N, C-alpha and C. Protein backbone atom coordinates (compact mmCIF):
# COMPACT_ATOMS: atom_id res chain seq x y z
N UNK A 1 -5.53 15.47 0.04
CA UNK A 1 -4.14 15.83 -0.07
C UNK A 1 -3.95 16.76 -1.25
N UNK A 2 -3.07 17.70 -1.08
CA UNK A 2 -2.78 18.63 -2.17
C UNK A 2 -1.84 17.95 -3.18
N UNK A 3 -1.77 18.49 -4.39
CA UNK A 3 -0.82 17.94 -5.37
C UNK A 3 0.63 17.95 -4.85
N UNK A 4 1.00 18.98 -4.11
CA UNK A 4 2.35 19.05 -3.55
C UNK A 4 2.58 17.93 -2.53
N UNK A 5 1.59 17.68 -1.68
CA UNK A 5 1.72 16.60 -0.69
C UNK A 5 1.82 15.25 -1.39
N UNK A 6 1.03 15.05 -2.42
CA UNK A 6 1.06 13.78 -3.16
C UNK A 6 2.46 13.55 -3.74
N UNK A 7 3.03 14.58 -4.34
CA UNK A 7 4.37 14.47 -4.91
C UNK A 7 5.41 14.18 -3.84
N UNK A 8 5.31 14.86 -2.71
CA UNK A 8 6.28 14.66 -1.63
C UNK A 8 6.19 13.26 -1.05
N UNK A 9 4.98 12.77 -0.81
CA UNK A 9 4.80 11.42 -0.26
C UNK A 9 5.27 10.39 -1.28
N UNK A 10 4.96 10.58 -2.55
CA UNK A 10 5.39 9.65 -3.59
C UNK A 10 6.92 9.59 -3.63
N UNK A 11 7.58 10.74 -3.59
CA UNK A 11 9.04 10.78 -3.59
C UNK A 11 9.61 10.03 -2.40
N UNK A 12 9.01 10.23 -1.23
CA UNK A 12 9.47 9.55 -0.02
C UNK A 12 9.32 8.03 -0.16
N UNK A 13 8.14 7.57 -0.62
CA UNK A 13 7.90 6.13 -0.74
C UNK A 13 8.82 5.50 -1.78
N UNK A 14 9.06 6.19 -2.88
CA UNK A 14 9.98 5.66 -3.90
C UNK A 14 11.39 5.50 -3.33
N UNK A 15 11.83 6.49 -2.57
CA UNK A 15 13.16 6.41 -1.97
C UNK A 15 13.20 5.33 -0.89
N UNK A 16 12.17 5.26 -0.06
CA UNK A 16 12.11 4.28 1.02
C UNK A 16 12.17 2.85 0.50
N UNK A 17 11.39 2.56 -0.56
CA UNK A 17 11.30 1.21 -1.08
C UNK A 17 12.24 0.97 -2.29
N UNK A 18 12.96 2.01 -2.70
CA UNK A 18 13.92 1.86 -3.78
C UNK A 18 13.29 1.48 -5.11
N UNK A 19 12.14 2.08 -5.41
CA UNK A 19 11.45 1.74 -6.66
C UNK A 19 10.74 2.94 -7.26
N UNK A 20 11.04 3.19 -8.52
CA UNK A 20 10.35 4.25 -9.25
C UNK A 20 8.99 3.76 -9.76
N UNK A 21 8.67 2.49 -9.54
CA UNK A 21 7.39 1.93 -9.99
C UNK A 21 6.22 2.38 -9.12
N UNK A 22 6.52 2.95 -7.96
CA UNK A 22 5.48 3.42 -7.04
C UNK A 22 4.90 4.72 -7.57
N UNK A 23 3.58 4.78 -7.61
CA UNK A 23 2.91 5.98 -8.10
C UNK A 23 1.70 6.28 -7.22
N UNK A 24 1.54 7.53 -6.84
CA UNK A 24 0.34 7.97 -6.13
C UNK A 24 -0.59 8.59 -7.14
N UNK A 25 -1.84 8.12 -7.12
CA UNK A 25 -2.83 8.56 -8.09
C UNK A 25 -3.83 9.47 -7.39
N UNK A 26 -3.89 10.74 -7.80
CA UNK A 26 -4.85 11.67 -7.18
C UNK A 26 -6.28 11.16 -7.36
N UNK A 27 -7.16 11.48 -6.42
CA UNK A 27 -8.55 11.03 -6.54
C UNK A 27 -9.28 11.71 -7.69
N UNK A 28 -10.25 10.99 -8.24
CA UNK A 28 -11.05 11.53 -9.34
C UNK A 28 -11.95 12.67 -8.84
N UNK A 29 -12.40 12.54 -7.59
CA UNK A 29 -13.25 13.58 -7.00
C UNK A 29 -12.70 13.99 -5.65
N UNK A 30 -12.95 15.22 -5.27
CA UNK A 30 -12.50 15.74 -3.99
C UNK A 30 -13.11 14.91 -2.86
N UNK A 31 -12.30 14.64 -1.85
CA UNK A 31 -12.77 13.90 -0.70
C UNK A 31 -12.52 12.40 -0.77
N UNK A 32 -12.12 11.93 -1.94
CA UNK A 32 -11.81 10.50 -2.09
C UNK A 32 -10.35 10.27 -1.72
N UNK A 33 -9.99 9.00 -1.56
CA UNK A 33 -8.63 8.63 -1.17
C UNK A 33 -7.66 8.72 -2.34
N UNK A 34 -6.41 9.01 -2.01
CA UNK A 34 -5.33 8.93 -2.97
C UNK A 34 -4.98 7.44 -3.09
N UNK A 35 -4.82 6.95 -4.32
CA UNK A 35 -4.51 5.54 -4.52
C UNK A 35 -3.01 5.33 -4.62
N UNK A 36 -2.56 4.21 -4.09
CA UNK A 36 -1.17 3.81 -4.16
C UNK A 36 -1.07 2.69 -5.19
N UNK A 37 -0.25 2.89 -6.22
CA UNK A 37 -0.13 1.91 -7.29
C UNK A 37 1.33 1.51 -7.48
N UNK A 38 1.51 0.27 -7.92
CA UNK A 38 2.83 -0.24 -8.31
C UNK A 38 2.62 -0.87 -9.68
N UNK A 39 3.39 -0.41 -10.66
CA UNK A 39 3.23 -0.91 -12.03
C UNK A 39 1.78 -0.82 -12.49
N UNK A 40 1.15 0.28 -12.23
CA UNK A 40 -0.24 0.54 -12.66
C UNK A 40 -1.29 -0.28 -11.93
N UNK A 41 -0.88 -1.17 -11.00
CA UNK A 41 -1.85 -1.94 -10.22
C UNK A 41 -2.05 -1.25 -8.87
N UNK A 42 -3.29 -0.88 -8.59
CA UNK A 42 -3.59 -0.22 -7.32
C UNK A 42 -3.51 -1.26 -6.21
N UNK A 43 -2.67 -0.96 -5.20
CA UNK A 43 -2.48 -1.90 -4.10
C UNK A 43 -2.99 -1.35 -2.78
N UNK A 44 -3.43 -0.10 -2.76
CA UNK A 44 -3.91 0.46 -1.51
C UNK A 44 -4.23 1.94 -1.63
N UNK A 45 -4.38 2.55 -0.46
CA UNK A 45 -4.73 3.96 -0.39
C UNK A 45 -3.85 4.68 0.62
N UNK A 46 -3.81 6.00 0.50
CA UNK A 46 -3.07 6.83 1.44
C UNK A 46 -4.01 7.89 1.98
N UNK A 47 -4.00 8.04 3.29
CA UNK A 47 -4.88 9.00 3.96
C UNK A 47 -4.05 10.00 4.75
N UNK A 48 -4.47 11.24 4.70
CA UNK A 48 -3.81 12.31 5.43
C UNK A 48 -4.52 12.51 6.75
N UNK A 49 -3.74 12.64 7.83
CA UNK A 49 -4.31 12.89 9.15
C UNK A 49 -3.65 14.14 9.71
N UNK A 50 -4.47 15.07 10.17
CA UNK A 50 -3.98 16.30 10.77
C UNK A 50 -4.58 16.41 12.16
N UNK A 51 -3.81 16.01 13.15
CA UNK A 51 -4.29 16.02 14.53
C UNK A 51 -3.48 17.04 15.32
N UNK A 52 -4.16 18.09 15.75
CA UNK A 52 -3.55 19.15 16.55
C UNK A 52 -2.30 19.72 15.87
N UNK A 53 -2.36 19.88 14.56
CA UNK A 53 -1.26 20.48 13.82
C UNK A 53 -0.17 19.51 13.41
N UNK A 54 -0.25 18.26 13.85
CA UNK A 54 0.74 17.25 13.45
C UNK A 54 0.17 16.46 12.29
N UNK A 55 0.82 16.56 11.14
CA UNK A 55 0.33 15.89 9.92
C UNK A 55 1.07 14.56 9.74
N UNK A 56 0.30 13.52 9.42
CA UNK A 56 0.88 12.22 9.09
C UNK A 56 0.09 11.62 7.93
N UNK A 57 0.69 10.63 7.31
CA UNK A 57 0.06 9.98 6.16
C UNK A 57 0.03 8.48 6.44
N UNK A 58 -1.15 7.89 6.39
CA UNK A 58 -1.31 6.46 6.65
C UNK A 58 -1.45 5.71 5.34
N UNK A 59 -0.67 4.66 5.19
CA UNK A 59 -0.73 3.81 4.00
C UNK A 59 -1.50 2.55 4.37
N UNK A 60 -2.55 2.29 3.59
CA UNK A 60 -3.36 1.09 3.79
C UNK A 60 -3.21 0.22 2.56
N UNK A 61 -2.59 -0.96 2.73
CA UNK A 61 -2.38 -1.87 1.61
C UNK A 61 -3.36 -3.02 1.72
N UNK A 62 -4.01 -3.34 0.60
CA UNK A 62 -4.96 -4.43 0.55
C UNK A 62 -4.38 -5.56 -0.29
N UNK A 63 -4.36 -6.76 0.28
CA UNK A 63 -3.90 -7.93 -0.45
C UNK A 63 -5.10 -8.86 -0.62
N UNK A 64 -5.47 -9.10 -1.87
CA UNK A 64 -6.60 -9.98 -2.16
C UNK A 64 -6.14 -11.43 -2.16
N UNK A 65 -6.96 -12.30 -1.62
CA UNK A 65 -6.66 -13.73 -1.59
C UNK A 65 -6.34 -14.24 -3.00
N UNK A 66 -7.09 -13.78 -3.98
CA UNK A 66 -6.90 -14.26 -5.35
C UNK A 66 -5.56 -13.86 -5.95
N UNK A 67 -4.89 -12.88 -5.35
CA UNK A 67 -3.58 -12.46 -5.85
C UNK A 67 -2.42 -13.23 -5.22
N UNK A 68 -2.70 -14.00 -4.19
CA UNK A 68 -1.65 -14.75 -3.50
C UNK A 68 -1.24 -15.98 -4.29
N UNK A 69 0.02 -16.43 -4.11
CA UNK A 69 0.42 -17.68 -4.75
C UNK A 69 -0.32 -18.84 -4.10
N UNK A 70 -0.39 -19.98 -4.77
CA UNK A 70 -1.08 -21.13 -4.17
C UNK A 70 -0.45 -21.51 -2.83
N UNK A 71 -1.28 -21.96 -1.93
CA UNK A 71 -0.79 -22.41 -0.62
C UNK A 71 -0.06 -23.73 -0.81
N UNK A 72 1.00 -23.96 -0.04
CA UNK A 72 1.70 -25.25 -0.14
C UNK A 72 0.78 -26.37 0.31
N UNK A 73 1.01 -27.54 -0.23
CA UNK A 73 0.19 -28.70 0.17
C UNK A 73 0.34 -28.92 1.66
N UNK A 74 -0.76 -29.21 2.30
CA UNK A 74 -0.73 -29.44 3.75
C UNK A 74 -0.01 -30.75 4.04
N UNK A 75 0.92 -30.70 4.93
CA UNK A 75 1.64 -31.90 5.33
C UNK A 75 0.81 -32.65 6.35
N UNK A 76 0.89 -33.94 6.31
CA UNK A 76 0.17 -34.75 7.29
C UNK A 76 0.80 -34.61 8.66
N UNK A 77 0.23 -35.24 9.66
CA UNK A 77 0.79 -35.14 11.00
C UNK A 77 2.19 -35.77 11.04
N UNK A 78 3.03 -35.24 11.91
CA UNK A 78 4.39 -35.76 12.05
C UNK A 78 4.33 -37.19 12.56
N UNK A 79 5.22 -38.04 12.06
CA UNK A 79 5.22 -39.43 12.56
C UNK A 79 5.57 -39.48 14.03
N UNK A 80 4.97 -40.43 14.73
CA UNK A 80 5.24 -40.58 16.17
C UNK A 80 6.53 -41.34 16.39
N UNK A 81 7.25 -40.92 17.37
CA UNK A 81 8.47 -41.62 17.76
C UNK A 81 8.15 -42.61 18.84
N UNK A 82 8.84 -43.74 18.80
CA UNK A 82 8.61 -44.77 19.83
C UNK A 82 9.69 -44.72 20.85
């Protein structure tokens, strides 16, 4: 993605989600993915697709198990009715 595309997609995502905390991070090397960050934490990547002249941008968000809140305690089986 070009710097202009990165800026445009970032502006769109900020407006869509109502947050200035969203930041697109250009790749360190050419050919790598653009990173999607919120509050400096990378949460995914953005990929550009150009198929027959139609350009789209795919957002891939990764959620790590270790970042999730604890699971609620498992409830036992429901009591049987007589």
